[in-house]
Amino acid sequence: MSTAPFGQIQYEEEPQHDASQQSNGAAAPQEVIDINDPRLTSESLTFNPEGDAYAMRPVLPAGKWRAKLKAVQPRDKGLREGQYAYGTKNRDGQLFLATNVEASIIDHSGRYDGIPLTDYYVTTEVRKDGTMQAATILGKLGKPARGGSQHKAIMDQLLGALAGEPEAGVDVDWEWSCQACEKLAKEKGERKPRSFRGMHNFPQIKDPADPKRMIHDPQRKCDIVPSHGVSVARPRITRYLSLAEVGK
């Protein structure tokens, strides 16, 4: 598998899906409403005046999480409105289909509820061990792929299953890399520096929201170019799970 306000996931293949954009990637037109519209002058708002709407959401901890899954349209693939999959090929020239799958975390405590993790490259590629990402997700949803099916049939089955935003489980872990180093490497056409993986490898600190509780610190300083400063770890989907495997 291969980052946007933090607490959200972005994979290297493509930028985070933006709900403010139309499915074809074009910016959605904004309706301009008169400043004296009665709807804006009569409603009494209830809000928290001490809250910080710009505060960074906490980074989703590693572990097993319940989530709602749905397909999101891959951007910059030349897809028409309503298309969610595209054809591509691997280094050996094998053709297959790919799509994006978004997992919206379900957390009844409210702290992490609704955080989206997007897997930008779910395919019908048959791997050397015979496994397939699309088929694995279908199996975890209790709708196993039909043996002997073609790429399009399996992708259609997956997209159909995801249309209802079913619940499943995701196994999550952290990955950290210096975004400034990655940008420099891309500009120079060089290989990206290796990433730092595993939440357990990050030091523990007191939770700012609850000083009695210890949490892992998602921030890490660049040890290649110190002037690049600090970057924050990104939560990644490492596996899909059935609801039974989530265990909660």
C-alpha atoms as a PDB file:
ATOM      1  CA  MET A   1       0.000   0.000   0.000  1.00  0.00           C
ATOM      2  CA  SER A   2       1.197   2.986  -0.413  1.00  0.00           C
ATOM      3  CA  THR A   3      -0.837  13.143   3.721  1.00  0.00           C
ATOM      4  CA  ALA A   4      -3.785  17.194   4.294  1.00  0.00           C
ATOM      5  CA  PRO A   5      -5.060  17.819   7.768  1.00  0.00           C
ATOM      6  CA  PHE A   6      -3.601  15.305  10.092  1.00  0.00           C
ATOM      7  CA  GLY A   7      -5.479  12.343  11.345  1.00  0.00           C
ATOM      8  CA  GLN A   8      -6.191  11.661   7.688  1.00  0.00           C
ATOM      9  CA  ILE A   9      -4.303   9.214   5.590  1.00  0.00           C
ATOM     10  CA  GLN A  10      -2.728   9.805   2.229  1.00  0.00           C
ATOM     11  CA  TYR A  11      -0.889   7.251   0.182  1.00  0.00           C
ATOM     12  CA  GLU A  12       1.993   8.177  -2.078  1.00  0.00           C
ATOM     13  CA  GLU A  13       0.195   7.232  -5.278  1.00  0.00           C
ATOM     14  CA  GLU A  14      -2.205  10.156  -5.248  1.00  0.00           C
ATOM     15  CA  PRO A  15      -3.546  13.009  -3.095  1.00  0.00           C
ATOM     16  CA  GLN A  16      -6.289  12.634  -0.522  1.00  0.00           C
ATOM     17  CA  HIS A  17      -9.795  12.490  -1.977  1.00  0.00           C
ATOM     18  CA  ASP A  18     -11.394  15.903  -1.488  1.00  0.00           C
ATOM     19  CA  ALA A  19     -15.122  15.842  -0.846  1.00  0.00           C
ATOM     20  CA  SER A  20     -15.349  19.447  -1.974  1.00  0.00           C
ATOM     21  CA  GLN A  21     -14.462  18.359  -5.492  1.00  0.00           C
ATOM     22  CA  GLN A  22     -16.776  16.811  -8.019  1.00  0.00           C
ATOM     23  CA  SER A  23     -16.186  13.206  -8.956  1.00  0.00           C
ATOM     24  CA  ASN A  24     -14.505  14.251 -12.194  1.00  0.00           C
ATOM     25  CA  GLY A  25     -11.906  16.208 -10.219  1.00  0.00           C
ATOM     26  CA  ALA A  26     -13.271  19.681 -11.103  1.00  0.00           C
ATOM     27  CA  ALA A  27     -13.987  22.126  -8.302  1.00  0.00           C
ATOM     28  CA  ALA A  28     -17.644  22.153  -7.338  1.00  0.00           C
ATOM     29  CA  PRO A  29     -19.314  25.536  -7.942  1.00  0.00           C
ATOM     30  CA  GLN A  30     -20.060  27.475  -4.760  1.00  0.00           C
ATOM     31  CA  GLU A  31     -23.439  29.117  -4.323  1.00  0.00           C
ATOM     32  CA  VAL A  32     -23.180  32.755  -3.266  1.00  0.00           C
ATOM     33  CA  ILE A  33     -25.890  33.734  -0.754  1.00  0.00           C
ATOM     34  CA  ASP A  34     -26.844  37.275   0.126  1.00  0.00           C
ATOM     35  CA  ILE A  35     -25.350  38.362   3.438  1.00  0.00           C
ATOM     36  CA  ASN A  36     -28.780  39.610   4.590  1.00  0.00           C
ATOM     37  CA  ASP A  37     -30.569  36.366   3.779  1.00  0.00           C
ATOM     38  CA  PRO A  38     -33.113  35.728   6.625  1.00  0.00           C
ATOM     39  CA  ARG A  39     -31.635  32.279   7.139  1.00  0.00           C
ATOM     40  CA  LEU A  40     -28.366  33.954   8.128  1.00  0.00           C
ATOM     41  CA  THR A  41     -29.855  36.665  10.332  1.00  0.00           C
ATOM     42  CA  SER A  42     -32.530  34.775  12.277  1.00  0.00           C
ATOM     43  CA  GLU A  43     -30.874  31.526  13.381  1.00  0.00           C
ATOM     44  CA  SER A  44     -29.398  31.497  16.902  1.00  0.00           C
ATOM     45  CA  LEU A  45     -26.177  29.469  16.872  1.00  0.00           C
ATOM     46  CA  THR A  46     -24.982  27.193  19.669  1.00  0.00           C
ATOM     47  CA  PHE A  47     -21.231  26.628  19.653  1.00  0.00           C
ATOM     48  CA  ASN A  48     -18.203  26.353  21.914  1.00  0.00           C
ATOM     49  CA  PRO A  49     -16.525  29.814  22.019  1.00  0.00           C
ATOM     50  CA  GLU A  50     -13.427  28.321  23.648  1.00  0.00           C
ATOM     51  CA  GLY A  51     -12.999  25.558  21.081  1.00  0.00           C
ATOM     52  CA  ASP A  52     -10.304  25.640  18.397  1.00  0.00           C
ATOM     53  CA  ALA A  53     -11.710  24.736  14.988  1.00  0.00           C
ATOM     54  CA  TYR A  54      -8.155  24.724  13.597  1.00  0.00           C
ATOM     55  CA  ALA A  55      -6.745  22.317  16.171  1.00  0.00           C
ATOM     56  CA  MET A  56      -5.145  19.203  14.711  1.00  0.00           C
ATOM     57  CA  ARG A  57      -7.136  16.055  15.310  1.00  0.00           C
ATOM     58  CA  PRO A  58      -5.273  13.355  17.231  1.00  0.00           C
ATOM     59  CA  VAL A  59      -3.496  10.795  15.078  1.00  0.00           C
ATOM     60  CA  LEU A  60      -5.392   7.503  14.993  1.00  0.00           C
ATOM     61  CA  PRO A  61      -3.474   4.972  17.131  1.00  0.00           C
ATOM     62  CA  ALA A  62      -2.316   1.668  15.713  1.00  0.00           C
ATOM     63  CA  GLY A  63      -4.635  -1.257  16.248  1.00  0.00           C
ATOM     64  CA  LYS A  64      -7.809  -2.867  14.991  1.00  0.00           C
ATOM     65  CA  TRP A  65     -10.673  -0.491  14.205  1.00  0.00           C
ATOM     66  CA  ARG A  66     -14.226  -0.857  13.018  1.00  0.00           C
ATOM     67  CA  ALA A  67     -14.946   1.251   9.931  1.00  0.00           C
ATOM     68  CA  LYS A  68     -17.383   1.961   7.128  1.00  0.00           C
ATOM     69  CA  LEU A  69     -15.936   1.215   3.714  1.00  0.00           C
ATOM     70  CA  LYS A  70     -16.779   2.940   0.461  1.00  0.00           C
ATOM     71  CA  ALA A  71     -15.270   3.427  -2.971  1.00  0.00           C
ATOM     72  CA  VAL A  72     -14.014   6.893  -3.891  1.00  0.00           C
ATOM     73  CA  GLN A  73     -13.207   7.949  -7.410  1.00  0.00           C
ATOM     74  CA  PRO A  74      -9.488   7.988  -8.227  1.00  0.00           C
ATOM     75  CA  ARG A  75      -8.382  11.437  -9.311  1.00  0.00           C
ATOM     76  CA  ASP A  76      -6.240  12.374 -12.301  1.00  0.00           C
ATOM     77  CA  LYS A  77      -7.112   9.148 -14.096  1.00  0.00           C
ATOM     78  CA  GLY A  78      -9.332  10.677 -16.790  1.00  0.00           C
ATOM     79  CA  LEU A  79     -12.441   8.974 -15.416  1.00  0.00           C
ATOM     80  CA  ARG A  80     -15.954  10.090 -16.240  1.00  0.00           C
ATOM     81  CA  GLU A  81     -18.445  10.963 -13.538  1.00  0.00           C
ATOM     82  CA  GLY A  82     -19.642   7.765 -11.903  1.00  0.00           C
ATOM     83  CA  GLN A  83     -16.548   5.736 -12.835  1.00  0.00           C
ATOM     84  CA  TYR A  84     -14.634   4.352  -9.887  1.00  0.00           C
ATOM     85  CA  ALA A  85     -12.085   2.013 -11.465  1.00  0.00           C
ATOM     86  CA  TYR A  86      -9.397   2.280 -14.099  1.00  0.00           C
ATOM     87  CA  GLY A  87      -7.179  -0.103 -16.012  1.00  0.00           C
ATOM     88  CA  THR A  88      -3.444  -0.289 -15.389  1.00  0.00           C
ATOM     89  CA  LYS A  89      -0.597  -2.807 -15.545  1.00  0.00           C
ATOM     90  CA  ASN A  90       2.364  -4.014 -13.512  1.00  0.00           C
ATOM     91  CA  ARG A  91       6.029  -4.168 -14.489  1.00  0.00           C
ATOM     92  CA  ASP A  92       5.491  -7.507 -16.185  1.00  0.00           C
ATOM     93  CA  GLY A  93       2.803  -6.007 -18.422  1.00  0.00           C
ATOM     94  CA  GLN A  94      -0.063  -7.821 -16.659  1.00  0.00           C
ATOM     95  CA  LEU A  95      -3.308  -5.852 -17.003  1.00  0.00           C
ATOM     96  CA  PHE A  96      -5.750  -5.402 -14.130  1.00  0.00           C
ATOM     97  CA  LEU A  97      -8.187  -2.896 -12.592  1.00  0.00           C
ATOM     98  CA  ALA A  98      -7.650  -0.540  -9.650  1.00  0.00           C
ATOM     99  CA  THR A  99      -9.802   1.701  -7.442  1.00  0.00           C
ATOM    100  CA  ASN A 100      -9.647   3.712  -4.188  1.00  0.00           C
ATOM    101  CA  VAL A 101     -11.242   2.484  -0.963  1.00  0.00           C
ATOM    102  CA  GLU A 102     -11.939   4.802   1.971  1.00  0.00           C
ATOM    103  CA  ALA A 103     -12.420   3.533   5.527  1.00  0.00           C
ATOM    104  CA  SER A 104     -14.273   5.932   7.864  1.00  0.00           C
ATOM    105  CA  ILE A 105     -13.383   5.020  11.447  1.00  0.00           C
ATOM    106  CA  ILE A 106     -16.180   4.196  13.882  1.00  0.00           C
ATOM    107  CA  ASP A 107     -15.262   5.242  17.426  1.00  0.00           C
ATOM    108  CA  HIS A 108     -18.103   5.576  19.904  1.00  0.00           C
ATOM    109  CA  SER A 109     -15.907   7.622  22.261  1.00  0.00           C
ATOM    110  CA  GLY A 110     -16.000  10.324  19.592  1.00  0.00           C
ATOM    111  CA  ARG A 111     -12.266  11.045  19.693  1.00  0.00           C
ATOM    112  CA  TYR A 112     -11.413   9.328  16.426  1.00  0.00           C
ATOM    113  CA  ASP A 113     -14.887   8.892  14.982  1.00  0.00           C
ATOM    114  CA  GLY A 114     -15.142   9.730  11.298  1.00  0.00           C
ATOM    115  CA  ILE A 115     -11.407   9.888  10.571  1.00  0.00           C
ATOM    116  CA  PRO A 116     -10.990   8.705   6.969  1.00  0.00           C
ATOM    117  CA  LEU A 117      -8.174   6.422   5.883  1.00  0.00           C
ATOM    118  CA  THR A 118      -7.872   6.041   2.135  1.00  0.00           C
ATOM    119  CA  ASP A 119      -6.258   3.098   0.395  1.00  0.00           C
ATOM    120  CA  TYR A 120      -5.362   4.487  -3.014  1.00  0.00           C
ATOM    121  CA  TYR A 121      -4.506   1.296  -4.835  1.00  0.00           C
ATOM    122  CA  VAL A 122      -6.877  -1.648  -4.433  1.00  0.00           C
ATOM    123  CA  THR A 123      -6.528  -3.900  -7.470  1.00  0.00           C
ATOM    124  CA  THR A 124      -7.601  -7.108  -9.186  1.00  0.00           C
ATOM    125  CA  GLU A 125      -3.952  -8.023  -9.767  1.00  0.00           C
ATOM    126  CA  VAL A 126      -3.285 -11.690  -9.015  1.00  0.00           C
ATOM    127  CA  ARG A 127      -0.103 -11.873  -6.968  1.00  0.00           C
ATOM    128  CA  LYS A 128       2.489 -14.621  -7.132  1.00  0.00           C
ATOM    129  CA  ASP A 129       0.948 -16.311  -4.092  1.00  0.00           C
ATOM    130  CA  GLY A 130      -2.480 -16.267  -5.758  1.00  0.00           C
ATOM    131  CA  THR A 131      -3.973 -13.558  -3.573  1.00  0.00           C
ATOM    132  CA  MET A 132      -5.848 -10.477  -4.775  1.00  0.00           C
ATOM    133  CA  GLN A 133      -6.638  -7.281  -2.852  1.00  0.00           C
ATOM    134  CA  ALA A 134     -10.160  -6.884  -4.260  1.00  0.00           C
ATOM    135  CA  ALA A 135     -11.000 -10.502  -3.476  1.00  0.00           C
ATOM    136  CA  THR A 136      -9.602 -10.185   0.058  1.00  0.00           C
ATOM    137  CA  ILE A 137     -11.858  -7.215   0.845  1.00  0.00           C
ATOM    138  CA  LEU A 138     -14.875  -9.021  -0.576  1.00  0.00           C
ATOM    139  CA  GLY A 139     -14.071 -12.012   1.615  1.00  0.00           C
ATOM    140  CA  LYS A 140     -13.836  -9.830   4.726  1.00  0.00           C
ATOM    141  CA  LEU A 141     -17.257  -8.384   3.856  1.00  0.00           C
ATOM    142  CA  GLY A 142     -18.696 -11.883   3.704  1.00  0.00           C
ATOM    143  CA  LYS A 143     -19.191 -11.696  -0.060  1.00  0.00           C
ATOM    144  CA  PRO A 144     -16.431 -13.892  -1.495  1.00  0.00           C
ATOM    145  CA  ALA A 145     -15.372 -13.264  -5.071  1.00  0.00           C
ATOM    146  CA  ARG A 146     -16.623 -15.752  -7.603  1.00  0.00           C
ATOM    147  CA  GLY A 147     -13.877 -18.085  -8.730  1.00  0.00           C
ATOM    148  CA  GLY A 148     -13.061 -17.940 -12.420  1.00  0.00           C
ATOM    149  CA  SER A 149     -14.348 -14.389 -12.743  1.00  0.00           C
ATOM    150  CA  GLN A 150     -12.686 -11.803 -14.950  1.00  0.00           C
ATOM    151  CA  HIS A 151     -11.097  -8.574 -13.731  1.00  0.00           C
ATOM    152  CA  LYS A 152     -14.144  -6.441 -14.527  1.00  0.00           C
ATOM    153  CA  ALA A 153     -16.564  -8.870 -12.938  1.00  0.00           C
ATOM    154  CA  ILE A 154     -14.600  -8.898  -9.682  1.00  0.00           C
ATOM    155  CA  MET A 155     -14.215  -5.113  -9.655  1.00  0.00           C
ATOM    156  CA  ASP A 156     -17.928  -4.682 -10.354  1.00  0.00           C
ATOM    157  CA  GLN A 157     -18.660  -7.042  -7.467  1.00  0.00           C
ATOM    158  CA  LEU A 158     -16.390  -5.045  -5.155  1.00  0.00           C
ATOM    159  CA  LEU A 159     -17.860  -1.677  -6.158  1.00  0.00           C
ATOM    160  CA  GLY A 160     -21.353  -3.089  -5.740  1.00  0.00           C
ATOM    161  CA  ALA A 161     -20.519  -4.320  -2.247  1.00  0.00           C
ATOM    162  CA  LEU A 162     -18.995  -0.966  -1.276  1.00  0.00           C
ATOM    163  CA  ALA A 163     -21.960   1.028  -2.604  1.00  0.00           C
ATOM    164  CA  GLY A 164     -23.856   0.324   0.624  1.00  0.00           C
ATOM    165  CA  GLU A 165     -20.916   1.505   2.770  1.00  0.00           C
ATOM    166  CA  PRO A 166     -20.662  -1.774   4.689  1.00  0.00           C
ATOM    167  CA  GLU A 167     -18.862  -2.109   8.004  1.00  0.00           C
ATOM    168  CA  ALA A 168     -15.649  -4.081   8.288  1.00  0.00           C
ATOM    169  CA  GLY A 169     -12.410  -3.913  10.232  1.00  0.00           C
ATOM    170  CA  VAL A 170      -9.077  -2.325   9.413  1.00  0.00           C
ATOM    171  CA  ASP A 171      -5.717  -2.959  11.026  1.00  0.00           C
ATOM    172  CA  VAL A 172      -3.830   0.347  11.303  1.00  0.00           C
ATOM    173  CA  ASP A 173      -0.211   1.262  11.996  1.00  0.00           C
ATOM    174  CA  TRP A 174       1.900   4.408  11.723  1.00  0.00           C
ATOM    175  CA  GLU A 175       4.357   5.389   9.027  1.00  0.00           C
ATOM    176  CA  TRP A 176       6.617   8.443   9.179  1.00  0.00           C
ATOM    177  CA  SER A 177       8.753  10.130   6.549  1.00  0.00           C
ATOM    178  CA  CYS A 178      10.170  13.615   6.086  1.00  0.00           C
ATOM    179  CA  GLN A 179       7.936  15.273   3.506  1.00  0.00           C
ATOM    180  CA  ALA A 180      10.619  17.866   2.677  1.00  0.00           C
ATOM    181  CA  CYS A 181      13.119  15.083   1.919  1.00  0.00           C
ATOM    182  CA  GLU A 182      10.541  13.315  -0.251  1.00  0.00           C
ATOM    183  CA  LYS A 183       9.881  16.513  -2.187  1.00  0.00           C
ATOM    184  CA  LEU A 184      13.601  17.073  -2.801  1.00  0.00           C
ATOM    185  CA  ALA A 185      14.081  13.494  -3.929  1.00  0.00           C
ATOM    186  CA  LYS A 186      11.176  13.813  -6.359  1.00  0.00           C
ATOM    187  CA  GLU A 187      12.566  17.063  -7.809  1.00  0.00           C
ATOM    188  CA  LYS A 188      15.968  15.429  -8.317  1.00  0.00           C
ATOM    189  CA  GLY A 189      14.501  12.219  -9.706  1.00  0.00           C
ATOM    190  CA  GLU A 190      16.060  10.267  -6.850  1.00  0.00           C
ATOM    191  CA  ARG A 191      14.707   7.453  -4.745  1.00  0.00           C
ATOM    192  CA  LYS A 192      12.668   8.557  -1.726  1.00  0.00           C
ATOM    193  CA  PRO A 193      14.282   8.061   1.705  1.00  0.00           C
ATOM    194  CA  ARG A 194      13.106   5.013   3.623  1.00  0.00           C
ATOM    195  CA  SER A 195      10.128   5.568   5.865  1.00  0.00           C
ATOM    196  CA  PHE A 196       9.975   4.883   9.614  1.00  0.00           C
ATOM    197  CA  ARG A 197       7.228   2.416  10.503  1.00  0.00           C
ATOM    198  CA  GLY A 198       5.439   1.108  13.578  1.00  0.00           C
ATOM    199  CA  MET A 199       3.724   3.141  16.325  1.00  0.00           C
ATOM    200  CA  HIS A 200       5.622   1.124  18.939  1.00  0.00           C
ATOM    201  CA  ASN A 201       8.842   2.732  17.665  1.00  0.00           C
ATOM    202  CA  PHE A 202       7.662   6.227  18.664  1.00  0.00           C
ATOM    203  CA  PRO A 203       8.379   7.525  22.210  1.00  0.00           C
ATOM    204  CA  GLN A 204       5.586   7.886  24.742  1.00  0.00           C
ATOM    205  CA  ILE A 205       4.424  11.221  26.155  1.00  0.00           C
ATOM    206  CA  LYS A 206       1.600  12.438  28.397  1.00  0.00           C
ATOM    207  CA  ASP A 207      -1.678  12.826  26.556  1.00  0.00           C
ATOM    208  CA  PRO A 208      -2.380  16.609  26.263  1.00  0.00           C
ATOM    209  CA  ALA A 209      -6.086  15.841  26.652  1.00  0.00           C
ATOM    210  CA  ASP A 210      -5.540  13.599  29.692  1.00  0.00           C
ATOM    211  CA  PRO A 211      -2.187  14.038  31.522  1.00  0.00           C
ATOM    212  CA  LYS A 212      -2.794  10.817  33.463  1.00  0.00           C
ATOM    213  CA  ARG A 213      -2.656   8.851  30.237  1.00  0.00           C
ATOM    214  CA  MET A 214       0.434   8.019  28.177  1.00  0.00           C
ATOM    215  CA  ILE A 215       0.304   8.007  24.381  1.00  0.00           C
ATOM    216  CA  HIS A 216       2.843   7.605  21.603  1.00  0.00           C
ATOM    217  CA  ASP A 217       4.141  10.899  20.204  1.00  0.00           C
ATOM    218  CA  PRO A 218       3.452  10.965  16.423  1.00  0.00           C
ATOM    219  CA  GLN A 219       5.984  13.762  15.845  1.00  0.00           C
ATOM    220  CA  ARG A 220       9.504  12.992  14.687  1.00  0.00           C
ATOM    221  CA  LYS A 221      12.357  15.276  13.638  1.00  0.00           C
ATOM    222  CA  CYS A 222      14.160  14.762  10.338  1.00  0.00           C
ATOM    223  CA  ASP A 223      17.517  13.139  11.111  1.00  0.00           C
ATOM    224  CA  ILE A 224      18.860  13.652   7.577  1.00  0.00           C
ATOM    225  CA  VAL A 225      18.391  17.420   7.237  1.00  0.00           C
ATOM    226  CA  PRO A 226      17.715  18.904  10.719  1.00  0.00           C
ATOM    227  CA  SER A 227      16.463  22.175   9.207  1.00  0.00           C
ATOM    228  CA  HIS A 228      13.513  20.275   7.759  1.00  0.00           C
ATOM    229  CA  GLY A 229      12.098  20.220  11.275  1.00  0.00           C
ATOM    230  CA  VAL A 230       9.325  17.965  12.555  1.00  0.00           C
ATOM    231  CA  SER A 231       6.802  15.875  10.611  1.00  0.00           C
ATOM    232  CA  VAL A 232       3.856  13.876  11.909  1.00  0.00           C
ATOM    233  CA  ALA A 233       3.279  10.151  11.482  1.00  0.00           C
ATOM    234  CA  ARG A 234       0.544   8.994   9.129  1.00  0.00           C
ATOM    235  CA  PRO A 235      -1.826   6.133  10.010  1.00  0.00           C
ATOM    236  CA  ARG A 236      -1.895   3.448   7.314  1.00  0.00           C
ATOM    237  CA  ILE A 237      -4.250   0.590   6.565  1.00  0.00           C
ATOM    238  CA  THR A 238      -2.116  -2.533   6.803  1.00  0.00           C
ATOM    239  CA  ARG A 239      -4.890  -5.150   6.572  1.00  0.00           C
ATOM    240  CA  TYR A 240      -8.636  -5.488   6.146  1.00  0.00           C
ATOM    241  CA  LEU A 241     -10.517  -7.563   8.708  1.00  0.00           C
ATOM    242  CA  SER A 242     -13.928  -9.138   9.100  1.00  0.00           C
ATOM    243  CA  LEU A 243     -16.113  -7.775  11.904  1.00  0.00           C
ATOM    244  CA  ALA A 244     -15.444 -10.968  13.840  1.00  0.00           C
ATOM    245  CA  GLU A 245     -11.695 -10.333  13.620  1.00  0.00           C
ATOM    246  CA  VAL A 246     -12.076  -6.791  14.963  1.00  0.00           C
ATOM    247  CA  GLY A 247     -13.441  -8.218  18.196  1.00  0.00           C
ATOM    248  CA  LYS A 248     -15.363  -5.095  19.253  1.00  0.00           C
END
